């Protein structure tokens, strides 16, 4: 018998044998189903593994970003009245990433009570500084005179930002956690609410004999003279750092005719010199510019050091004898909140070459 005839017989038998044919078809479908299930499980495993790796990567990145946050809180918290406290000062971002400040918490440690304020809406870019004062950081918290008050902030990444301990040790708030400094606060209140930083009294001597008519470059503040001596006749710009310690936490506004005032004598005659308030803009670390034609005013947020500038030739009231020292007075006039306020900042001596 021919070979193809021998093969055709089993095929015909298989074809006409319905049970045998259905078994083969079933086996084929079973194999297809198994392949489909294995493929589905494999694809699902790959998907889950990818999701897991992405989650781990995002978690690690979030942890890295959280660790990279560095906010310095140079702030104080004090009582406004028996039911409210206010946080004043600055928040500075010294880290590489932008940071959102979401929540402010305040605590009365004497009564073990807490309160918070949500949705502060503060975003700090790297190197940025924000000033805190007023209703933005006022929180309802029952307190009494002498209570110890504390505060901290929560960032968008969940970090807790505490008060800078170096700044806290210089906090002169009578109601705050450092009552040993209340004597300094009382002395300050005895001579006025505006404080003066003696170590930041700088001046820039120009070669001009009068005020420039256009913007005038003053260079970096670090390059200015840091002595308490100057000359008369040449146009000089003075830099002082002033801080308002108003116990009611109001903002101080400094306007003209605020000026530096020196009383002296020449040939037995009383003379005086003045350097008037001027507008200086720019970054002290990269370069400052005197803007002689701009309107002049400065804002002193509560307990926040502010750079203030005065300029002149020192010949408004005639020449003063050189080679002597004379009392220098920083005469401040403006608004404390909405009310007039004036103060003479004393205890400075100036030597005339």
Protein backbone atom coordinates (compact mmCIF):
# COMPACT_ATOMS: atom_id res chain seq x y z
CA UNK A 1 0.00 0.00 0.00
CA UNK A 2 1.25 3.45 -0.84
CA UNK A 3 2.53 5.59 2.12
CA UNK A 4 0.05 8.41 1.58
CA UNK A 5 -2.75 5.96 1.65
CA UNK A 6 -1.51 4.51 4.92
CA UNK A 7 -1.55 8.07 6.47
CA UNK A 8 -4.92 9.02 5.10
CA UNK A 9 -6.68 6.23 6.87
CA UNK A 10 -5.84 7.44 10.42
CA UNK A 11 -6.75 10.97 9.39
CA UNK A 12 -10.10 9.83 8.10
CA UNK A 13 -10.69 7.84 11.26
CA UNK A 14 -9.76 10.88 13.37
CA UNK A 15 -12.00 13.12 11.34
CA UNK A 16 -14.95 10.83 11.65
CA UNK A 17 -14.17 10.23 15.34
CA UNK A 18 -15.91 13.25 16.95
CA UNK A 19 -14.62 12.48 20.45
CA UNK A 20 -11.01 12.44 19.32
CA UNK A 21 -11.35 15.64 17.30
CA UNK A 22 -13.01 17.57 20.12
CA UNK A 23 -10.22 16.49 22.49
CA UNK A 24 -7.62 18.01 20.19
CA UNK A 25 -9.62 21.22 19.79
CA UNK A 26 -10.08 21.43 23.55
CA UNK A 27 -6.38 20.90 24.12
CA UNK A 28 -5.56 23.68 21.65
CA UNK A 29 -7.98 26.07 23.38
CA UNK A 30 -6.55 25.11 26.78
CA UNK A 31 -3.06 25.89 25.57
CA UNK A 32 -4.25 29.24 24.17
CA UNK A 33 -5.99 30.09 27.43
CA UNK A 34 -2.88 29.19 29.44
CA UNK A 35 -0.72 31.32 27.15
CA UNK A 36 -3.21 34.21 27.50
CA UNK A 37 -3.25 33.89 31.30
CA UNK A 38 0.52 33.66 31.53
CA UNK A 39 0.89 36.71 29.25
CA UNK A 40 -1.66 38.67 31.30
CA UNK A 41 0.06 37.78 34.57
CA UNK A 42 3.43 38.67 33.08
CA UNK A 43 2.21 42.04 31.79
CA UNK A 44 0.49 42.73 35.13
CA UNK A 45 3.71 41.85 37.00
CA UNK A 46 5.71 44.21 34.80
CA UNK A 47 3.13 46.97 35.36
CA UNK A 48 3.11 46.48 39.12
CA UNK A 49 6.90 46.36 39.21
CA UNK A 50 7.05 49.62 37.23
CA UNK A 51 4.53 51.24 39.59
CA UNK A 52 6.51 50.03 42.59
CA UNK A 53 9.78 51.38 41.20
CA UNK A 54 8.12 54.72 40.39
CA UNK A 55 6.64 54.90 43.90
CA UNK A 56 10.01 54.11 45.49
CA UNK A 57 11.72 56.68 43.27
CA UNK A 58 9.11 59.35 44.10
CA UNK A 59 9.35 58.52 47.81
CA UNK A 60 13.13 58.72 47.75
CA UNK A 61 12.92 62.03 45.86
CA UNK A 62 10.39 63.37 48.36
CA UNK A 63 12.65 62.33 51.24
CA UNK A 64 15.62 63.95 49.51
CA UNK A 65 13.67 67.18 48.90
CA UNK A 66 12.44 67.15 52.51
CA UNK A 67 16.00 66.75 53.78
CA UNK A 68 17.18 69.58 51.50
CA UNK A 69 14.76 72.11 53.01
CA UNK A 70 16.50 74.66 55.24
CA UNK A 71 14.36 77.49 56.54
CA UNK A 72 15.79 79.80 59.21
CA UNK A 73 13.05 81.33 61.38
CA UNK A 74 14.32 84.52 63.03
CA UNK A 75 10.99 85.18 64.70
CA UNK A 76 9.49 86.03 68.04
CA UNK A 77 6.02 85.39 69.41
CA UNK A 78 4.40 87.78 71.84
CA UNK A 79 1.06 88.65 73.33
CA UNK A 80 -1.13 91.24 71.61
CA UNK A 81 -3.85 90.96 74.24
CA UNK A 82 -5.32 88.30 76.49
CA UNK A 83 -6.81 86.40 73.56
CA UNK A 84 -4.33 86.85 70.70
CA UNK A 85 -0.62 86.39 70.00
CA UNK A 86 1.44 87.53 67.03
CA UNK A 87 4.58 86.13 65.37
CA UNK A 88 7.00 88.70 63.96
CA UNK A 89 10.37 88.51 62.23
CA UNK A 90 11.74 86.86 59.11
CA UNK A 91 11.75 83.48 57.40
CA UNK A 92 14.75 82.88 55.16
CA UNK A 93 15.20 80.01 52.71
CA UNK A 94 18.84 78.89 52.87
CA UNK A 95 18.20 75.65 50.97
CA UNK A 96 18.36 74.90 47.21
CA UNK A 97 14.60 74.32 46.72
CA UNK A 98 11.51 76.52 46.85
CA UNK A 99 9.49 75.93 50.02
CA UNK A 100 5.84 76.50 50.84
CA UNK A 101 4.99 77.50 54.41
CA UNK A 102 1.55 76.06 55.07
CA UNK A 103 0.72 76.25 58.79
CA UNK A 104 1.72 78.29 61.83
CA UNK A 105 1.40 76.71 65.29
CA UNK A 106 1.61 78.66 68.54
CA UNK A 107 1.76 77.30 72.07
CA UNK A 108 1.26 78.68 75.55
CA UNK A 109 3.58 76.41 77.53
CA UNK A 110 2.23 77.63 80.88
CA UNK A 111 -1.30 76.51 80.08
CA UNK A 112 -0.29 73.70 77.67
CA UNK A 113 -2.66 75.09 75.04
CA UNK A 114 -2.19 75.20 71.29
CA UNK A 115 -3.64 77.04 68.32
CA UNK A 116 -2.81 77.16 64.65
CA UNK A 117 -3.37 79.13 61.47
CA UNK A 118 -3.65 77.29 58.13
CA UNK A 119 -3.17 78.39 54.53
CA UNK A 120 -0.47 80.98 55.16
CA UNK A 121 0.23 81.07 51.43
CA UNK A 122 3.94 81.80 51.84
CA UNK A 123 6.29 80.56 49.11
CA UNK A 124 10.02 81.09 49.54
CA UNK A 125 12.40 80.64 46.63
CA UNK A 126 15.98 79.63 47.32
CA UNK A 127 17.66 82.55 49.06
CA UNK A 128 14.35 84.35 49.55
CA UNK A 129 13.28 86.20 52.70
CA UNK A 130 9.76 87.05 53.85
CA UNK A 131 8.81 89.44 56.66
CA UNK A 132 6.14 88.32 59.09
CA UNK A 133 3.93 90.77 60.94
CA UNK A 134 0.36 91.90 61.41
CA UNK A 135 -2.78 89.90 60.75
CA UNK A 136 -0.93 87.33 58.61
CA UNK A 137 0.61 85.77 61.71
CA UNK A 138 -1.90 86.73 64.40
CA UNK A 139 -3.42 83.67 66.09
CA UNK A 140 -6.17 83.41 68.69
CA UNK A 141 -4.64 81.97 71.88
CA UNK A 142 -5.57 82.74 75.48
CA UNK A 143 -2.55 84.09 77.38
CA UNK A 144 -1.58 86.13 80.41
CA UNK A 145 1.29 88.47 81.20
CA UNK A 146 4.41 86.42 81.87
CA UNK A 147 3.27 83.30 79.99
CA UNK A 148 5.90 81.50 77.95
CA UNK A 149 4.93 81.45 74.27
CA UNK A 150 6.40 79.31 71.53
CA UNK A 151 5.75 78.78 67.81
CA UNK A 152 6.75 76.67 64.83
CA UNK A 153 5.84 76.34 61.16
CA UNK A 154 4.90 73.35 58.96
CA UNK A 155 6.17 73.28 55.37
CA UNK A 156 4.37 71.80 52.38
CA UNK A 157 6.74 68.81 52.51
CA UNK A 158 5.88 68.18 56.15
CA UNK A 159 9.00 69.62 57.82
CA UNK A 160 8.69 71.32 61.20
CA UNK A 161 10.44 74.70 61.27
CA UNK A 162 11.39 75.82 64.77
CA UNK A 163 12.60 79.22 65.93
CA UNK A 164 16.29 79.82 65.28
CA UNK A 165 17.77 79.25 68.78
CA UNK A 166 20.50 81.87 68.21
CA UNK A 167 17.84 84.44 67.40
CA UNK A 168 15.60 83.28 70.24
CA UNK A 169 18.35 83.93 72.80
CA UNK A 170 18.30 87.59 71.73
CA UNK A 171 14.54 87.90 72.03
CA UNK A 172 13.63 90.86 74.23
CA UNK A 173 9.91 90.13 74.47
CA UNK A 174 8.77 90.56 78.07
CA UNK A 175 6.01 87.97 77.56
CA UNK A 176 8.27 85.52 75.78
CA UNK A 177 10.31 82.58 76.99
CA UNK A 178 13.34 84.67 77.98
CA UNK A 179 12.18 86.85 80.90
CA UNK A 180 15.81 87.43 81.91
CA UNK A 181 16.01 89.96 79.06
CA UNK A 182 13.08 92.04 80.29
CA UNK A 183 15.49 94.57 81.82
CA UNK A 184 16.94 95.31 78.38
CA UNK A 185 13.45 95.67 77.01
CA UNK A 186 12.53 98.12 79.76
CA UNK A 187 15.64 100.22 79.10
CA UNK A 188 14.79 100.26 75.41
CA UNK A 189 11.31 101.47 76.19
CA UNK A 190 12.80 104.19 78.39
CA UNK A 191 14.62 105.79 75.43
CA UNK A 192 12.28 104.86 72.59
CA UNK A 193 11.12 101.88 70.57
CA UNK A 194 13.74 102.14 67.79
CA UNK A 195 17.00 100.26 68.32
CA UNK A 196 20.33 101.09 66.63
CA UNK A 197 23.07 98.58 65.71
CA UNK A 198 26.38 100.21 66.63
CA UNK A 199 28.40 97.65 64.67
CA UNK A 200 26.68 98.49 61.37
CA UNK A 201 27.38 102.21 61.20
CA UNK A 202 29.07 102.57 57.78
CA UNK A 203 29.67 105.48 55.43
CA UNK A 204 30.64 105.98 51.79
CA UNK A 205 32.73 109.05 50.95
CA UNK A 206 32.37 110.36 47.39
CA UNK A 207 34.46 112.95 45.53
CA UNK A 208 31.35 115.06 44.92
CA UNK A 209 30.67 118.45 46.51
CA UNK A 210 26.93 118.05 46.25
CA UNK A 211 24.20 115.52 45.58
CA UNK A 212 24.46 113.74 42.20
CA UNK A 213 21.73 114.53 39.69
CA UNK A 214 21.45 110.93 38.45
CA UNK A 215 21.73 107.45 39.91
CA UNK A 216 25.11 106.99 41.58
CA UNK A 217 26.82 103.63 42.14
CA UNK A 218 27.92 102.97 45.73
CA UNK A 219 29.44 99.49 45.34
CA UNK A 220 29.11 96.74 47.93
CA UNK A 221 28.23 97.66 51.50
CA UNK A 222 31.10 95.49 52.76
CA UNK A 223 33.55 97.87 51.05
CA UNK A 224 32.23 100.97 52.84
CA UNK A 225 34.18 102.61 55.65
CA UNK A 226 33.25 101.21 59.07
CA UNK A 227 34.70 104.02 61.17
CA UNK A 228 33.02 106.66 63.32
CA UNK A 229 34.99 109.44 61.64
CA UNK A 230 34.30 111.50 58.52
CA UNK A 231 35.15 114.73 56.70
CA UNK A 232 33.05 117.77 55.84
CA UNK A 233 32.43 119.24 52.42
CA UNK A 234 32.39 116.05 50.34
CA UNK A 235 29.10 114.28 49.71
CA UNK A 236 28.87 111.33 52.16
CA UNK A 237 26.29 108.56 52.43
CA UNK A 238 25.72 107.03 55.90
CA UNK A 239 24.30 103.57 56.52
CA UNK A 240 22.54 102.64 59.76
CA UNK A 241 20.53 99.56 60.79
CA UNK A 242 17.35 100.34 62.72
CA UNK A 243 14.88 97.98 64.38
CA UNK A 244 11.44 98.76 65.80
CA UNK A 245 10.65 97.09 69.14
CA UNK A 246 7.15 98.50 69.51
CA UNK A 247 5.40 96.39 72.19
CA UNK A 248 2.15 96.58 70.22
CA UNK A 249 3.95 95.10 67.16
CA UNK A 250 2.93 97.97 64.87
CA UNK A 251 4.92 98.75 61.72
CA UNK A 252 7.08 101.90 61.75
CA UNK A 253 7.26 104.15 58.67
CA UNK A 254 10.21 106.56 58.39
CA UNK A 255 9.79 109.71 56.27
CA UNK A 256 11.56 112.97 55.51
CA UNK A 257 12.67 115.22 57.19
CA UNK A 258 14.34 112.41 59.17
CA UNK A 259 18.08 113.12 59.24
CA UNK A 260 21.42 112.63 60.96
CA UNK A 261 22.15 115.75 63.00
CA UNK A 262 25.47 116.84 64.53
CA UNK A 263 25.91 119.87 66.80
CA UNK A 264 29.40 121.42 67.04
CA UNK A 265 31.23 124.71 67.15
CA UNK A 266 33.57 126.84 65.04
CA UNK A 267 35.55 129.72 66.46
CA UNK A 268 33.32 129.76 69.51
CA UNK A 269 30.11 129.76 67.47
CA UNK A 270 27.59 126.92 67.62
CA UNK A 271 27.26 125.15 64.27
CA UNK A 272 25.35 122.13 63.03
CA UNK A 273 25.55 119.61 60.21
CA UNK A 274 22.82 117.40 58.73
CA UNK A 275 22.71 114.40 56.42
CA UNK A 276 19.17 113.89 55.14
CA UNK A 277 17.24 110.70 54.47
CA UNK A 278 17.96 109.35 50.95
CA UNK A 279 16.79 106.46 48.82
CA UNK A 280 19.32 103.67 48.21
CA UNK A 281 18.37 100.55 46.28
CA UNK A 282 20.07 97.34 45.22
CA UNK A 283 21.66 94.40 46.98
CA UNK A 284 24.26 95.20 49.67
CA UNK A 285 26.19 92.06 48.67
CA UNK A 286 26.38 92.83 44.94
CA UNK A 287 26.04 96.61 44.62
CA UNK A 288 24.00 99.59 45.85
CA UNK A 289 22.72 102.62 43.95
CA UNK A 290 21.80 106.07 45.25
CA UNK A 291 18.56 107.30 43.65
CA UNK A 292 18.56 111.06 44.37
CA UNK A 293 15.35 111.88 42.47
CA UNK A 294 13.14 109.20 44.04
CA UNK A 295 10.74 109.71 46.92
CA UNK A 296 12.23 108.68 50.25
CA UNK A 297 10.63 106.46 52.90
CA UNK A 298 11.52 103.31 54.80
CA UNK A 299 9.34 100.65 56.39
CA UNK A 300 10.40 99.03 59.68
CA UNK A 301 8.36 95.85 60.31
CA UNK A 302 8.22 94.87 63.95
CA UNK A 303 11.53 93.44 65.29
CA UNK A 304 13.03 93.31 61.76
CA UNK A 305 16.40 95.05 61.15
CA UNK A 306 16.22 97.48 58.21
CA UNK A 307 19.02 99.30 56.36
CA UNK A 308 18.43 103.08 56.32
CA UNK A 309 20.56 105.65 54.48
CA UNK A 310 21.32 109.35 54.96
CA UNK A 311 23.46 111.63 52.79
CA UNK A 312 24.82 115.17 52.57
CA UNK A 313 27.95 117.35 52.60
CA UNK A 314 27.79 118.19 56.32
CA UNK A 315 27.84 121.93 55.64
CA UNK A 316 24.18 122.81 56.07
CA UNK A 317 24.86 124.88 59.18
CA UNK A 318 28.46 125.85 58.40
CA UNK A 319 31.80 124.14 58.95
CA UNK A 320 32.53 122.53 62.31
CA UNK A 321 36.03 122.51 63.77
CA UNK A 322 37.92 119.39 62.74
CA UNK A 323 39.98 117.24 65.09
CA UNK A 324 37.19 116.96 67.66
CA UNK A 325 34.38 114.57 68.49
CA UNK A 326 30.73 115.61 68.50
CA UNK A 327 27.43 113.96 69.47
CA UNK A 328 25.56 112.47 66.53
CA UNK A 329 21.79 112.12 66.65
CA UNK A 330 19.67 110.08 64.29
CA UNK A 331 16.40 111.97 64.23
CA UNK A 332 13.55 109.71 63.13
CA UNK A 333 10.12 110.97 62.21
CA UNK A 334 7.21 109.14 60.63
CA UNK A 335 4.26 106.94 61.49
CA UNK A 336 3.88 104.15 64.01
CA UNK A 337 0.94 102.33 62.54
CA UNK A 338 -1.34 105.26 61.72
CA UNK A 339 -0.10 107.66 64.41
CA UNK A 340 2.76 110.17 64.25
CA UNK A 341 5.97 109.09 65.92
CA UNK A 342 9.34 110.76 66.41
CA UNK A 343 12.51 109.62 68.19
CA UNK A 344 16.07 110.78 68.58
CA UNK A 345 18.44 107.79 68.54
CA UNK A 346 21.35 108.86 70.78
CA UNK A 347 24.65 107.50 72.15
CA UNK A 348 26.64 107.92 68.90
CA UNK A 349 29.82 110.01 68.64
CA UNK A 350 31.35 111.23 65.36
CA UNK A 351 34.93 112.42 64.84
CA UNK A 352 35.65 115.07 62.18
CA UNK A 353 38.98 114.77 60.39
